[in-house]
Amino acid sequence: MTCRSPRKSACATRHAPSSECRPHIRAKQRARQGAQSSVEYLIVLSLLALALTIGPDSALEQLFRAFDDHYQKFTYAMSRP
């Protein structure tokens, strides 16, 4: 069977896919896989951000403290005559 549908989205639902319809179906599958990998990256990044911010002495808090310490030393050195 050939794809006689003017709309390619109806191609996969009305009849068995032929060689003309398969590129369109493969493109949809690639789009779904891309969306799935985006969601997976989002979950991993969310967990990483959570791990960096949890705790009383979190890694992010230590980083901010280090920036503050170095900035204070820099401004003190710059203010000296």
C-alpha atoms as a PDB file:
ATOM      1  CA  MET A   1       0.000   0.000   0.000  1.00  0.00           C
ATOM      2  CA  THR A   2       1.185   3.493  -0.725  1.00  0.00           C
ATOM      3  CA  CYS A   3       0.532   6.520   1.370  1.00  0.00           C
ATOM      4  CA  ARG A   4      -2.383   8.281  -0.313  1.00  0.00           C
ATOM      5  CA  SER A   5      -3.205  10.579   2.548  1.00  0.00           C
ATOM      6  CA  PRO A   6      -2.588  14.310   1.987  1.00  0.00           C
ATOM      7  CA  ARG A   7      -1.738  14.579   5.671  1.00  0.00           C
ATOM      8  CA  LYS A   8       1.284  12.552   6.689  1.00  0.00           C
ATOM      9  CA  SER A   9       0.075  12.280  10.302  1.00  0.00           C
ATOM     10  CA  ALA A  10      -2.926  10.237   9.148  1.00  0.00           C
ATOM     11  CA  CYS A  11      -0.626   7.920   7.216  1.00  0.00           C
ATOM     12  CA  ALA A  12       0.290   5.750  10.193  1.00  0.00           C
ATOM     13  CA  THR A  13      -3.237   5.523  11.565  1.00  0.00           C
ATOM     14  CA  ARG A  14      -5.279   4.652   8.454  1.00  0.00           C
ATOM     15  CA  HIS A  15      -3.288   1.791   6.980  1.00  0.00           C
ATOM     16  CA  ALA A  16      -0.091  -0.152   7.363  1.00  0.00           C
ATOM     17  CA  PRO A  17       2.945   2.030   6.723  1.00  0.00           C
ATOM     18  CA  SER A  18       4.568   1.659   3.348  1.00  0.00           C
ATOM     19  CA  SER A  19       8.033   2.668   2.270  1.00  0.00           C
ATOM     20  CA  GLU A  20       6.738   6.188   1.518  1.00  0.00           C
ATOM     21  CA  CYS A  21       5.329   6.614   5.033  1.00  0.00           C
ATOM     22  CA  ARG A  22       8.273   5.273   7.010  1.00  0.00           C
ATOM     23  CA  PRO A  23      10.486   8.405   6.908  1.00  0.00           C
ATOM     24  CA  HIS A  24       7.650  10.368   8.504  1.00  0.00           C
ATOM     25  CA  ILE A  25       7.143   7.728  11.187  1.00  0.00           C
ATOM     26  CA  ARG A  26      10.877   7.610  11.886  1.00  0.00           C
ATOM     27  CA  ALA A  27      10.925  11.392  12.277  1.00  0.00           C
ATOM     28  CA  LYS A  28       8.154  11.142  14.879  1.00  0.00           C
ATOM     29  CA  GLN A  29      10.057   8.442  16.736  1.00  0.00           C
ATOM     30  CA  ARG A  30      13.208  10.589  16.743  1.00  0.00           C
ATOM     31  CA  ALA A  31      11.212  13.520  18.095  1.00  0.00           C
ATOM     32  CA  ARG A  32       9.821  11.364  20.916  1.00  0.00           C
ATOM     33  CA  GLN A  33      13.293  10.072  21.746  1.00  0.00           C
ATOM     34  CA  GLY A  34      14.627  13.625  21.786  1.00  0.00           C
ATOM     35  CA  ALA A  35      11.849  14.705  24.119  1.00  0.00           C
ATOM     36  CA  GLN A  36      12.525  11.726  26.378  1.00  0.00           C
ATOM     37  CA  SER A  37      16.237  12.508  26.603  1.00  0.00           C
ATOM     38  CA  SER A  38      15.406  16.153  27.397  1.00  0.00           C
ATOM     39  CA  VAL A  39      13.257  15.022  30.305  1.00  0.00           C
ATOM     40  CA  GLU A  40      16.028  12.708  31.509  1.00  0.00           C
ATOM     41  CA  TYR A  41      18.558  15.562  31.423  1.00  0.00           C
ATOM     42  CA  LEU A  42      16.123  17.770  33.321  1.00  0.00           C
ATOM     43  CA  ILE A  43      15.711  15.144  36.042  1.00  0.00           C
ATOM     44  CA  VAL A  44      19.473  14.636  36.389  1.00  0.00           C
ATOM     45  CA  LEU A  45      20.123  18.391  36.545  1.00  0.00           C
ATOM     46  CA  SER A  46      17.371  18.823  39.140  1.00  0.00           C
ATOM     47  CA  LEU A  47      18.896  16.112  41.310  1.00  0.00           C
ATOM     48  CA  LEU A  48      22.334  17.701  40.951  1.00  0.00           C
ATOM     49  CA  ALA A  49      20.989  21.121  41.947  1.00  0.00           C
ATOM     50  CA  LEU A  50      19.228  19.541  44.912  1.00  0.00           C
ATOM     51  CA  ALA A  51      22.414  17.783  46.003  1.00  0.00           C
ATOM     52  CA  LEU A  52      24.355  21.061  45.812  1.00  0.00           C
ATOM     53  CA  THR A  53      21.870  22.999  47.934  1.00  0.00           C
ATOM     54  CA  ILE A  54      20.836  20.511  50.647  1.00  0.00           C
ATOM     55  CA  GLY A  55      22.393  20.643  54.073  1.00  0.00           C
ATOM     56  CA  PRO A  56      23.524  23.273  56.552  1.00  0.00           C
ATOM     57  CA  ASP A  57      26.990  23.449  54.985  1.00  0.00           C
ATOM     58  CA  SER A  58      26.145  22.700  51.369  1.00  0.00           C
ATOM     59  CA  ALA A  59      28.632  22.879  48.522  1.00  0.00           C
ATOM     60  CA  LEU A  60      26.897  25.941  47.108  1.00  0.00           C
ATOM     61  CA  GLU A  61      27.072  27.713  50.472  1.00  0.00           C
ATOM     62  CA  GLN A  62      30.788  26.919  50.728  1.00  0.00           C
ATOM     63  CA  LEU A  63      31.332  28.348  47.247  1.00  0.00           C
ATOM     64  CA  PHE A  64      29.509  31.577  48.136  1.00  0.00           C
ATOM     65  CA  ARG A  65      31.517  31.877  51.348  1.00  0.00           C
ATOM     66  CA  ALA A  66      34.773  31.436  49.413  1.00  0.00           C
ATOM     67  CA  PHE A  67      33.746  34.164  46.933  1.00  0.00           C
ATOM     68  CA  ASP A  68      32.851  36.458  49.826  1.00  0.00           C
ATOM     69  CA  ASP A  69      36.159  35.809  51.582  1.00  0.00           C
ATOM     70  CA  HIS A  70      38.207  36.492  48.453  1.00  0.00           C
ATOM     71  CA  TYR A  71      36.177  39.593  47.618  1.00  0.00           C
ATOM     72  CA  GLN A  72      36.755  40.984  51.133  1.00  0.00           C
ATOM     73  CA  LYS A  73      40.493  40.367  50.812  1.00  0.00           C
ATOM     74  CA  PHE A  74      40.517  41.997  47.372  1.00  0.00           C
ATOM     75  CA  THR A  75      38.629  45.099  48.504  1.00  0.00           C
ATOM     76  CA  TYR A  76      40.850  45.410  51.578  1.00  0.00           C
ATOM     77  CA  ALA A  77      43.976  45.224  49.404  1.00  0.00           C
ATOM     78  CA  MET A  78      42.573  47.784  46.958  1.00  0.00           C
ATOM     79  CA  SER A  79      41.648  50.218  49.741  1.00  0.00           C
ATOM     80  CA  ARG A  80      45.183  50.376  51.138  1.00  0.00           C
ATOM     81  CA  PRO A  81      47.175  53.408  50.060  1.00  0.00           C
END
